[in-house]
Protein backbone atom coordinates (compact mmCIF):
# COMPACT_ATOMS: atom_id res chain seq x y z
CA MET A 1 -7.02 -38.71 5.04
CA VAL A 2 -3.81 -36.69 4.68
CA LYS A 3 -2.66 -35.12 7.93
CA GLY A 4 0.02 -32.58 8.66
CA LEU A 5 0.54 -31.04 5.25
CA GLY A 6 2.93 -28.63 6.94
CA ARG A 7 4.04 -25.21 5.83
CA LEU A 8 4.00 -26.00 2.12
CA GLY A 9 0.45 -27.35 2.27
CA SER A 10 -0.81 -24.46 4.35
CA ALA A 11 0.90 -21.96 2.07
CA LEU A 12 -0.78 -23.50 -0.97
CA CYS A 13 -4.10 -23.52 0.85
CA MET A 14 -3.81 -19.88 1.80
CA LEU A 15 -2.73 -19.01 -1.73
CA ILE A 16 -5.93 -20.56 -3.05
CA LEU A 17 -8.02 -18.84 -0.41
CA LEU A 18 -6.59 -15.49 -1.46
CA SER A 19 -6.89 -16.16 -5.19
CA PRO A 20 -9.82 -14.76 -7.20
CA LEU A 21 -11.50 -18.18 -7.22
CA GLY A 22 -11.27 -18.43 -3.46
CA MET A 23 -12.65 -15.02 -2.63
CA SER A 24 -16.33 -15.84 -2.96
CA GLU A 25 -17.06 -14.93 0.64
CA ASN A 26 -15.73 -11.36 0.59
CA PRO A 27 -14.27 -10.08 -2.68
CA THR A 28 -13.32 -6.72 -1.12
CA ALA A 29 -10.39 -6.95 1.31
CA ASP A 30 -10.87 -5.37 4.71
CA ASP A 31 -7.56 -5.11 6.51
CA ALA A 32 -7.30 -4.09 10.13
CA PRO A 33 -6.60 -0.38 10.69
CA GLN A 34 -3.10 0.89 11.36
CA ILE A 35 -1.84 3.71 13.58
CA ILE A 36 1.55 5.35 13.14
CA ILE A 37 3.02 7.57 15.90
CA ASP A 38 5.57 10.12 14.70
CA GLN A 39 7.40 10.46 18.06
CA ASN A 40 10.19 8.11 19.16
CA GLN A 41 9.93 5.62 22.00
CA GLY A 42 11.31 6.69 25.39
CA LEU A 43 10.74 10.38 24.74
CA PHE A 44 11.67 12.59 27.72
CA VAL A 45 9.03 15.31 28.23
CA ASN A 46 9.45 18.51 30.20
CA SER A 47 5.98 20.04 29.98
CA ASN A 48 3.87 20.34 26.83
CA LEU A 49 3.97 17.73 24.09
CA ASN A 50 2.20 17.46 20.74
CA ILE A 51 1.62 13.88 19.61
CA SER A 52 1.07 13.48 15.86
CA GLY A 53 0.76 10.59 13.46
CA THR A 54 -1.32 8.84 10.80
CA TYR A 55 -4.39 6.61 10.79
CA ILE A 56 -4.61 4.21 7.79
CA ASP A 57 -7.70 2.26 6.73
CA GLU A 58 -10.40 2.01 4.08
CA ASP A 59 -12.72 4.33 6.02
CA LEU A 60 -12.76 6.58 9.05
CA PRO A 61 -12.81 4.67 12.36
CA LEU A 62 -15.83 4.24 14.55
CA SER A 63 -13.74 5.46 17.44
CA LEU A 64 -10.23 6.79 18.05
CA THR A 65 -9.35 7.24 21.72
CA TRP A 66 -6.25 7.78 23.87
CA LYS A 67 -5.22 6.85 27.41
CA ILE A 68 -2.19 7.65 29.57
CA PHE A 69 -0.99 5.15 32.19
CA ASN A 70 1.45 6.06 34.95
CA GLY A 71 2.61 2.73 36.26
CA LEU A 72 -0.60 0.70 36.58
CA ASP A 73 -2.83 3.74 37.01
CA LEU A 74 -4.92 5.31 34.27
CA ILE A 75 -4.31 9.03 34.77
CA ASP A 76 -5.95 10.61 31.73
CA GLU A 77 -7.95 9.73 28.62
CA GLY A 78 -9.90 11.32 25.80
CA ASP A 79 -11.31 11.20 22.28
CA MET A 80 -9.31 12.32 19.27
CA ILE A 81 -11.48 11.35 16.30
CA ASP A 82 -12.29 15.01 15.63
CA SER A 83 -8.60 15.69 15.04
CA LEU A 84 -8.47 13.44 11.97
CA THR A 85 -7.66 15.21 8.71
CA GLU A 86 -7.46 13.34 5.42
CA THR A 87 -4.03 13.38 3.79
CA VAL A 88 -3.10 13.28 0.14
CA ASP A 89 -0.69 10.34 0.32
CA SER A 90 -2.08 6.82 0.17
CA HIS A 91 -0.05 4.16 2.00
CA GLU A 92 -1.68 1.13 0.42
CA SER A 93 -3.98 0.38 -2.48
CA ASN A 94 -7.63 1.11 -1.66
CA ARG A 95 -6.63 2.49 1.75
CA ASP A 96 -6.74 6.13 2.74
CA SER A 97 -4.80 7.96 5.44
CA TRP A 98 -5.73 10.64 7.92
CA GLY A 99 -3.42 12.68 10.10
CA TYR A 100 -4.18 13.18 13.80
CA SER A 101 -2.88 15.50 16.51
CA LEU A 102 -2.98 15.41 20.33
CA ASP A 103 -1.71 18.11 22.73
CA LEU A 104 -0.66 16.95 26.21
CA ASN A 105 0.47 18.94 29.24
CA PHE A 106 2.73 16.77 31.40
CA SER A 107 3.02 19.29 34.21
CA SER A 108 0.07 17.62 35.91
CA TYR A 109 1.48 14.11 35.40
CA VAL A 110 4.99 14.41 36.89
CA PRO A 111 6.86 12.42 37.94
CA CYS A 112 5.76 10.02 35.24
CA SER A 113 6.94 6.71 33.91
CA CYS A 114 4.13 6.86 31.40
CA LEU A 115 2.67 5.02 28.49
CA LEU A 116 0.40 6.60 25.89
CA GLU A 117 -2.03 4.18 24.27
CA ILE A 118 -3.99 5.13 21.11
CA ARG A 119 -6.83 2.73 20.27
CA ALA A 120 -8.82 2.58 17.02
CA VAL A 121 -11.94 0.54 16.21
CA ASP A 122 -12.97 0.35 12.54
CA VAL A 123 -16.43 -0.12 11.05
CA ASN A 124 -16.06 -3.92 11.21
CA ASN A 125 -14.98 -3.79 14.88
CA GLN A 126 -11.36 -4.59 14.09
CA ILE A 127 -9.05 -3.10 16.73
CA TYR A 128 -5.56 -1.66 16.52
CA VAL A 129 -3.54 -0.28 19.46
CA ALA A 130 -0.39 1.83 19.21
CA GLN A 131 1.75 2.57 22.30
CA LEU A 132 4.40 5.16 23.13
CA ILE A 133 6.72 5.15 26.17
CA LEU A 134 7.17 8.59 27.77
CA PHE A 135 9.11 9.85 30.80
CA SER A 136 8.74 13.13 32.68
CA GLN A 137 10.73 14.16 35.77
CA GLY A 138 9.28 17.51 36.75
CA GLU A 139 11.19 19.95 38.97
CA GLU A 140 12.14 17.38 41.60
CA LEU A 141 14.37 14.64 40.30
CA SER A 142 13.19 11.12 41.20
CA GLN A 143 14.03 7.62 40.20
CA LEU A 144 11.68 6.55 37.41
CA ALA A 145 10.66 2.95 36.85
CA PRO A 146 11.29 1.46 33.40
CA ARG A 147 8.51 0.60 30.94
CA ILE A 148 8.08 -2.29 28.50
CA ILE A 149 5.73 -3.03 25.60
CA PHE A 150 5.35 -5.86 23.09
CA ASP A 151 6.55 -5.07 19.59
CA ASN A 152 4.26 -6.67 16.95
CA THR A 153 3.81 -9.98 18.79
CA PRO A 154 1.26 -12.25 17.10
CA GLU A 155 -1.65 -13.61 19.11
CA GLN A 156 -1.35 -17.12 17.64
CA LEU A 157 1.98 -18.89 18.13
CA THR A 158 3.40 -22.09 16.69
CA GLY A 159 6.86 -23.62 16.60
CA THR A 160 9.70 -21.33 17.68
CA VAL A 161 8.69 -17.68 17.64
CA ALA A 162 10.87 -14.60 18.10
CA ILE A 163 9.17 -12.39 20.69
CA HIS A 164 10.27 -8.76 20.42
CA THR A 165 9.79 -6.07 23.07
CA ILE A 166 10.70 -2.45 23.66
CA ALA A 167 12.11 -1.95 27.17
CA MET A 168 13.32 1.49 28.31
CA ASP A 169 13.93 3.70 31.30
CA ASP A 170 14.68 7.41 31.38
CA TYR A 171 18.31 6.64 30.50
CA GLY A 172 17.55 4.55 27.44
CA LEU A 173 17.35 0.82 26.67
CA THR A 174 17.24 -1.61 29.55
CA GLY A 175 17.00 -5.35 30.20
CA ALA A 176 13.84 -7.45 30.44
CA GLU A 177 12.41 -10.77 31.65
CA TRP A 178 9.61 -13.02 30.44
CA THR A 179 7.36 -15.80 31.68
CA VAL A 180 4.39 -17.84 30.47
CA SER A 181 1.45 -18.97 32.59
CA ASN A 182 -1.74 -20.95 32.07
CA SER A 183 -3.16 -19.85 35.45
CA SER A 184 -6.83 -18.87 35.18
CA GLU A 185 -6.29 -16.19 37.85
CA ILE A 186 -3.51 -14.56 35.85
CA ALA A 187 -5.60 -14.90 32.69
CA MET A 188 -8.37 -12.88 34.35
CA SER A 189 -5.98 -10.09 35.33
CA CYS A 190 -4.41 -10.21 31.86
CA ILE A 191 -7.59 -8.66 30.50
CA GLN A 192 -5.89 -5.41 31.52
CA SER A 193 -2.86 -4.35 29.51
CA TRP A 194 -0.76 -3.82 32.64
CA ILE A 195 -0.58 -6.02 35.73
CA GLU A 196 1.57 -6.36 38.80
CA SER A 197 4.28 -9.00 38.81
CA PRO A 198 2.50 -12.29 39.55
CA GLU A 199 3.73 -14.52 42.30
CA SER A 200 4.83 -18.15 41.87
CA VAL A 201 6.12 -17.74 38.32
CA GLN A 202 9.63 -18.30 37.05
CA TRP A 203 11.18 -15.40 35.21
CA TYR A 204 13.63 -15.82 32.33
CA ASN A 205 16.08 -13.24 31.05
CA MET A 206 15.74 -11.87 27.55
CA THR A 207 18.73 -11.42 25.34
CA SER A 208 19.47 -9.18 22.39
CA LEU A 209 21.03 -10.50 19.21
CA ILE A 210 22.33 -7.03 18.40
CA PRO A 211 24.22 -4.87 20.96
CA ASP A 212 22.28 -1.86 22.19
CA ALA A 213 19.04 -3.25 20.74
CA ASN A 214 15.72 -3.97 22.39
CA PRO A 215 15.46 -7.33 24.19
CA MET A 216 13.90 -10.38 22.55
CA TRP A 217 13.87 -14.15 22.95
CA SER A 218 13.16 -17.24 20.88
CA PHE A 219 10.10 -18.85 22.37
CA ASP A 220 9.87 -22.61 21.73
CA THR A 221 6.13 -23.22 21.93
CA THR A 222 6.48 -26.97 21.26
CA ALA A 223 7.29 -27.43 24.94
CA TYR A 224 3.70 -26.45 25.75
CA ASP A 225 0.36 -28.10 25.05
CA ASP A 226 -1.99 -26.40 22.65
CA GLY A 227 -4.14 -23.84 24.41
CA GLU A 228 -4.41 -20.28 25.70
CA TYR A 229 -1.62 -18.80 27.81
CA SER A 230 -0.73 -15.49 29.42
CA LEU A 231 2.51 -14.12 27.97
CA ILE A 232 4.07 -11.71 30.50
CA VAL A 233 7.14 -9.44 30.21
CA ARG A 234 8.69 -6.85 32.52
CA ALA A 235 11.58 -4.41 32.14
CA VAL A 236 14.45 -4.49 34.65
CA SER A 237 16.73 -1.46 34.90
CA ASP A 238 20.38 -1.58 35.92
CA ASP A 239 19.52 -0.44 39.44
CA GLY A 240 17.04 -3.28 39.90
CA LEU A 241 13.80 -1.38 39.38
CA THR A 242 11.11 -3.32 37.52
CA SER A 243 8.32 -2.06 35.33
CA PRO A 244 4.64 -2.91 35.49
CA CYS A 245 4.16 -6.17 33.60
CA ALA A 246 2.88 -6.10 30.04
CA CYS A 247 0.53 -9.04 29.59
CA MET A 248 -1.18 -10.45 26.53
CA THR A 249 -3.21 -13.59 25.90
CA VAL A 250 -1.73 -15.82 23.21
CA GLY A 251 -2.78 -19.10 21.69
CA ILE A 252 -0.31 -21.93 21.17
CA ASP A 253 -1.14 -24.26 18.31
CA ASN A 254 1.28 -26.93 17.13
CA HIS A 255 -1.16 -29.55 15.84
CA PRO A 256 -3.07 -29.63 12.55
CA PRO A 257 -6.86 -29.76 12.49
CA THR A 258 -8.80 -32.79 11.31
CA ALA A 259 -10.94 -32.48 8.20
CA ARG A 260 -14.20 -34.40 7.96
CA ILE A 261 -16.96 -34.62 5.34
CA ASP A 262 -20.41 -36.02 6.07
CA GLY A 263 -22.63 -36.76 3.08
CA PRO A 264 -24.04 -39.51 0.84
CA THR A 265 -21.95 -41.66 -1.47
CA GLU A 266 -24.75 -42.93 -3.74
CA MET A 267 -27.87 -41.07 -4.81
CA ASN A 268 -30.30 -40.93 -7.70
CA GLU A 269 -30.41 -37.99 -10.04
CA THR A 270 -33.12 -35.56 -9.00
CA THR A 271 -34.14 -31.94 -8.92
CA GLY A 272 -32.59 -30.09 -5.99
CA MET A 273 -29.34 -29.91 -4.11
CA ILE A 274 -27.28 -32.40 -2.09
CA GLN A 275 -25.65 -31.00 1.05
CA PHE A 276 -22.23 -32.07 2.29
CA ASP A 277 -21.28 -31.06 5.81
CA GLY A 278 -17.74 -30.24 6.96
CA SER A 279 -18.71 -28.92 10.38
CA GLY A 280 -17.42 -32.15 11.93
CA SER A 281 -13.92 -30.83 11.16
CA SER A 282 -12.13 -29.65 14.27
CA ASP A 283 -8.84 -28.66 15.86
CA GLN A 284 -7.50 -30.64 18.80
CA TYR A 285 -7.86 -27.79 21.29
CA TRP A 286 -9.26 -24.85 19.38
CA GLY A 287 -12.37 -26.51 17.98
CA ARG A 288 -13.61 -25.23 14.62
CA GLU A 289 -14.28 -21.56 15.32
CA GLY A 290 -11.07 -20.35 13.71
CA LEU A 291 -10.95 -22.83 10.84
CA VAL A 292 -11.06 -21.77 7.19
CA PHE A 293 -12.82 -24.19 4.82
CA LEU A 294 -11.75 -24.78 1.22
CA TRP A 295 -14.01 -26.97 -0.95
CA VAL A 296 -13.01 -28.28 -4.39
CA LEU A 297 -15.56 -30.21 -6.50
CA ASP A 298 -14.37 -32.20 -9.54
CA GLY A 299 -16.40 -34.19 -12.04
CA GLY A 300 -19.30 -31.88 -12.85
CA PRO A 301 -20.24 -30.54 -16.28
CA GLU A 302 -19.14 -27.01 -15.28
CA GLY A 303 -15.57 -28.10 -14.52
CA GLN A 304 -13.83 -27.60 -11.20
CA ILE A 305 -15.77 -25.58 -8.60
CA ILE A 306 -13.98 -23.91 -5.66
CA GLU A 307 -15.61 -22.29 -2.62
CA SER A 308 -13.84 -21.12 0.52
CA GLY A 309 -14.19 -19.08 3.66
CA GLY A 310 -14.67 -19.24 7.40
CA ASP A 311 -18.45 -19.65 7.03
CA TYR A 312 -18.31 -22.40 4.40
CA ARG A 313 -18.81 -25.35 6.74
CA THR A 314 -21.24 -26.89 4.25
CA ILE A 315 -21.48 -27.04 0.48
CA GLU A 316 -24.40 -27.85 -1.81
CA VAL A 317 -24.05 -29.82 -5.04
CA ASP A 318 -26.64 -29.85 -7.84
CA ALA A 319 -28.17 -33.34 -8.00
CA ALA A 320 -29.60 -32.89 -11.50
CA GLN A 321 -26.51 -34.11 -13.33
CA SER A 322 -25.44 -37.74 -13.06
CA GLY A 323 -21.77 -38.66 -12.85
CA HIS A 324 -18.86 -39.61 -10.63
CA TYR A 325 -17.69 -36.77 -8.40
CA THR A 326 -14.78 -36.09 -6.06
CA LEU A 327 -15.27 -33.51 -3.30
CA THR A 328 -12.13 -32.37 -1.46
CA LEU A 329 -12.18 -30.38 1.77
CA THR A 330 -9.11 -28.62 3.15
CA VAL A 331 -9.35 -26.99 6.57
CA ALA A 332 -6.69 -24.55 7.79
CA ASP A 333 -6.30 -23.11 11.28
CA ASN A 334 -4.96 -19.75 12.41
CA ALA A 335 -1.47 -21.18 12.89
CA GLY A 336 -1.22 -22.21 9.23
CA PHE A 337 -1.69 -25.96 9.74
CA SER A 338 -4.09 -27.76 7.44
CA ASP A 339 -5.67 -31.12 6.77
CA MET A 340 -7.32 -32.47 3.64
CA ILE A 341 -9.89 -35.19 2.99
CA SER A 342 -11.55 -36.40 -0.23
CA HIS A 343 -15.06 -37.80 -0.55
CA GLN A 344 -16.19 -39.63 -3.69
CA PHE A 345 -19.85 -39.95 -4.59
CA ASN A 346 -22.01 -41.03 -7.52
CA ILE A 347 -25.18 -39.46 -8.84
CA THR A 348 -26.98 -42.18 -10.80
CA ASN A 349 -29.33 -41.40 -13.65
CA LEU A 350 -32.72 -43.13 -13.54
CA ALA A 351 -33.79 -44.51 -16.91
CA PRO A 352 -37.22 -43.34 -18.12
CA ILE A 353 -40.26 -45.65 -18.12
CA ALA A 354 -42.11 -45.57 -21.44
CA ARG A 355 -45.90 -45.45 -21.53
CA LEU A 356 -47.74 -45.81 -24.87
CA SER A 357 -51.38 -45.29 -25.69
CA VAL A 358 -53.25 -45.53 -28.99
CA GLY A 359 -56.59 -43.78 -29.22
CA GLY A 360 -56.56 -43.34 -25.44
CA GLN A 361 -55.98 -47.07 -24.76
CA HIS A 362 -52.83 -47.80 -22.72
CA LEU A 363 -50.76 -50.67 -24.04
CA GLU A 364 -47.99 -52.88 -22.70
CA ASP A 365 -44.90 -54.16 -24.48
CA GLY A 366 -45.85 -57.09 -26.79
CA ASP A 367 -49.58 -56.27 -26.98
CA ASN A 368 -51.63 -56.86 -30.18
CA ILE A 369 -54.27 -54.31 -31.10
CA THR A 370 -56.96 -54.20 -33.77
CA LEU A 371 -57.70 -50.64 -34.91
CA VAL A 372 -60.99 -49.52 -36.38
CA ASP A 373 -60.73 -48.56 -40.00
CA ALA A 374 -59.82 -44.85 -40.00
CA PRO A 375 -57.41 -42.52 -41.84
CA GLN A 376 -55.31 -41.94 -38.68
CA TRP A 377 -55.11 -42.71 -34.99
CA LEU A 378 -53.86 -40.61 -32.01
CA ILE A 379 -50.71 -42.00 -30.37
CA GLU A 380 -49.36 -40.59 -27.08
CA CYS A 381 -46.40 -41.03 -24.70
CA GLY A 382 -47.42 -38.45 -22.06
CA GLY A 383 -47.72 -41.10 -19.36
CA SER A 384 -43.99 -41.82 -19.56
CA THR A 385 -42.12 -41.12 -16.30
CA ASP A 386 -38.61 -40.20 -15.17
CA SER A 387 -36.92 -38.25 -12.36
CA ASP A 388 -38.28 -34.71 -11.93
CA ASN A 389 -35.23 -33.08 -13.49
CA ASP A 390 -35.34 -35.23 -16.66
CA LYS A 391 -39.08 -35.59 -17.30
CA PRO A 392 -39.60 -32.18 -18.96
CA GLY A 393 -36.84 -33.00 -21.45
CA LEU A 394 -37.93 -36.51 -22.45
CA ILE A 395 -37.87 -37.20 -26.20
CA CYS A 396 -40.42 -39.63 -27.67
CA THR A 397 -39.45 -41.21 -30.99
CA TRP A 398 -42.00 -43.27 -32.93
CA TYR A 399 -41.01 -46.19 -35.19
CA ILE A 400 -43.26 -47.93 -37.72
CA ASP A 401 -41.96 -51.34 -38.74
CA GLY A 402 -38.53 -50.41 -37.35
CA GLU A 403 -38.25 -47.08 -39.18
CA PRO A 404 -38.16 -43.83 -37.14
CA LEU A 405 -40.87 -41.58 -38.55
CA MET A 406 -41.59 -38.84 -36.01
CA THR A 407 -40.95 -37.45 -32.53
CA GLY A 408 -43.26 -35.82 -30.05
CA TRP A 409 -45.49 -36.52 -27.07
CA GLU A 410 -48.64 -36.63 -29.24
CA ARG A 411 -48.80 -37.55 -32.90
CA GLN A 412 -51.27 -38.81 -35.52
CA MET A 413 -50.33 -42.22 -36.95
CA GLN A 414 -51.48 -42.55 -40.57
CA LYS A 415 -53.16 -45.75 -41.82
CA PRO A 416 -50.56 -47.87 -43.64
CA ASP A 417 -50.89 -48.27 -47.37
CA ASP A 418 -50.07 -51.96 -47.14
CA LEU A 419 -52.78 -53.87 -45.22
CA SER A 420 -51.69 -57.33 -46.29
CA SER A 421 -49.96 -58.09 -43.00
CA PRO A 422 -49.69 -56.69 -39.42
CA HIS A 423 -47.37 -53.78 -38.60
CA THR A 424 -45.29 -52.86 -35.53
CA LEU A 425 -45.38 -49.58 -33.62
CA MET A 426 -42.41 -48.94 -31.33
CA LEU A 427 -42.05 -46.03 -28.87
CA GLU A 428 -38.55 -45.08 -27.69
CA VAL A 429 -38.34 -42.62 -24.75
CA ALA A 430 -34.90 -41.03 -24.12
CA ASP A 431 -33.76 -38.63 -21.36
CA SER A 432 -31.01 -36.00 -21.43
CA ASP A 433 -28.43 -38.54 -20.21
CA GLY A 434 -29.07 -40.89 -23.12
CA ALA A 435 -30.95 -43.53 -21.10
CA THR A 436 -33.89 -45.09 -22.99
CA ASP A 437 -36.90 -47.36 -22.61
CA THR A 438 -39.04 -48.88 -25.40
CA ILE A 439 -42.47 -50.41 -25.96
CA THR A 440 -43.36 -52.37 -29.10
CA VAL A 441 -46.91 -53.38 -30.08
CA THR A 442 -48.38 -55.09 -33.17
CA PHE A 443 -51.35 -53.44 -34.87
CA GLY A 444 -53.55 -53.74 -37.91
CA VAL A 445 -56.86 -52.58 -39.36
CA GLN A 446 -60.02 -54.50 -38.51
CA GLY A 447 -61.32 -56.76 -41.28
CA THR A 448 -58.03 -56.79 -43.20
CA HIS A 449 -55.11 -59.16 -43.40
CA SER A 450 -53.17 -56.63 -41.29
CA ASP A 451 -55.39 -57.36 -38.29
CA PRO A 452 -53.34 -59.46 -35.84
CA MET A 453 -56.58 -61.43 -35.12
CA TYR A 454 -57.22 -62.28 -38.82
CA ASN A 455 -57.15 -66.03 -39.77
CA ASP A 456 -57.24 -67.20 -43.44
CA GLU A 457 -58.28 -70.78 -42.61
CA LEU A 458 -61.53 -69.50 -41.13
CA GLY A 459 -62.33 -67.58 -44.25
CA GLY A 460 -61.91 -64.30 -42.65
CA VAL A 461 -63.80 -65.21 -39.47
CA GLY A 462 -62.15 -63.47 -36.64
CA LEU A 463 -61.03 -64.96 -33.39
CA TRP A 464 -64.13 -63.72 -31.61
CA ALA A 465 -66.40 -65.59 -34.01
CA LEU A 466 -64.34 -68.75 -33.54
CA MET A 467 -64.64 -68.46 -29.81
CA ILE A 468 -68.45 -68.05 -30.07
CA ILE A 469 -68.71 -71.22 -32.23
CA ILE A 470 -66.59 -73.23 -29.80
CA ALA A 471 -68.68 -71.98 -26.90
CA GLY A 472 -71.91 -73.02 -28.71
CA ILE A 473 -70.55 -76.51 -29.28
CA LEU A 474 -69.63 -76.85 -25.62
CA VAL A 475 -73.11 -75.76 -24.54
CA SER A 476 -74.76 -78.29 -26.92
CA ILE A 477 -72.63 -81.15 -25.56
CA SER A 478 -73.60 -80.20 -22.02
CA LEU A 479 -77.34 -80.28 -22.85
CA VAL A 480 -77.03 -83.76 -24.42
CA ILE A 481 -75.31 -85.14 -21.32
CA ILE A 482 -78.05 -83.73 -19.07
CA LEU A 483 -80.86 -85.34 -21.19
CA ILE A 484 -79.14 -88.75 -21.16
CA ARG A 485 -78.91 -88.67 -17.37
CA LEU A 486 -82.56 -87.71 -17.00
CA TYR A 487 -83.67 -90.56 -19.33
CA SER A 488 -81.59 -93.11 -17.44
CA ASN A 489 -83.20 -92.20 -14.15
CA HIS A 490 -86.78 -92.72 -15.52
CA SER A 491 -86.07 -96.20 -17.01
CA SER A 492 -85.73 -97.97 -13.62
CA THR A 493 -87.84 -101.21 -12.78
CA ILE A 494 -91.52 -100.61 -11.89
CA PRO A 495 -92.35 -102.10 -8.45
CA LYS A 496 -95.01 -104.86 -8.24
CA TRP A 497 -97.61 -105.35 -5.45
CA LYS A 498 -98.67 -108.77 -4.07
CA GLY A 499 -102.39 -109.56 -4.18
């Protein structure tokens, strides 16, 4: 087993999975939808605001909704799918785009440290959420809390990951802090996008690599065990105000999965399929739910066969073709780690078993047979056996005195011209793999020198006649012995009586 193929191995694996050969599960790509918001982050709103943007996907969404949060509170929501209008421009191949529009009146929301959230669900239940930070003071000036959102943070983390955020108050960019927790209580509250600052956690300051840029930090996930964590960030303004916490559930995965193949190593050629099971493959923490399976079969008559996908935990191999095979399974997890294992197995061809009959009489190898005098005799090999996949294709070849004369399951054997000596009939049965079995018998015509039972010294008397003569002699000898014994018993001394 080869473990820890690393980034190169996982890249090659993913390249194969995305290649035409590896797209047997779903040849048509279905990317997650995308939402673009035209307005800039941290927009200051006085009263009315029109939100516009673009929805990108293969088809219209099942739903397109919006929500406005003020702090932790949901203050308004609605449906905007009816506002979608198809646009001419296409952003990606095979993907269409629709424009959307949303009119908001902030006079009823002020003062507002707000966040607009637009959520789309496509026909395959893939979800995309776009967020926009908004501030509105109203007539009375008040101190507004900052807001923070994650900026394209992946849900599966490995190694050192750059975590980007957007943190703003009504004056512009502001600082931020982060923390990570594996508390089950925090994980429950993290189901909501926004939570209050949890107690008993240690906060760490974010930094910015570029002046006047949004805060980020390099998160070294190798300091944590594999598993699910709550990733929490909050914005901190210069005057010490903090934002509601943005919280998302992330998975940390720094260990490769383990590939496993269960299946036979030796089997006989037969009709049907042999199943090999890779469902014993697993990840240390994550199990096998997120694994992608790549199978490669070498050694068959059709050349290399590749199958892949998340549902390909098993593979079936045709057992009708004998040979030496190598089956390789590569499993890759969501973090890009992979593991590979190879399993070698043999499919052995069963040689046929020849069965020969002449005139309906089944014969064994080495038998002698006397045939009645006739122009021809029916010879058959239909009783020959082999594995189910090879039996329909068996070839019967008939040899007379070592010379191949005909093929077929049933044939008429002509009487030989030369009847001065016995002849041999050989049946050779061959399957599609070249394996053979033979039966050879000696035959001749009754009453001729070709008859295997013919004997010149007896003047043409056959073996049966000889056996009858011998039996008669034995019976005669037995009768003589019986008469002698009877005579001996009657010749004993005659008793005498005293007067």
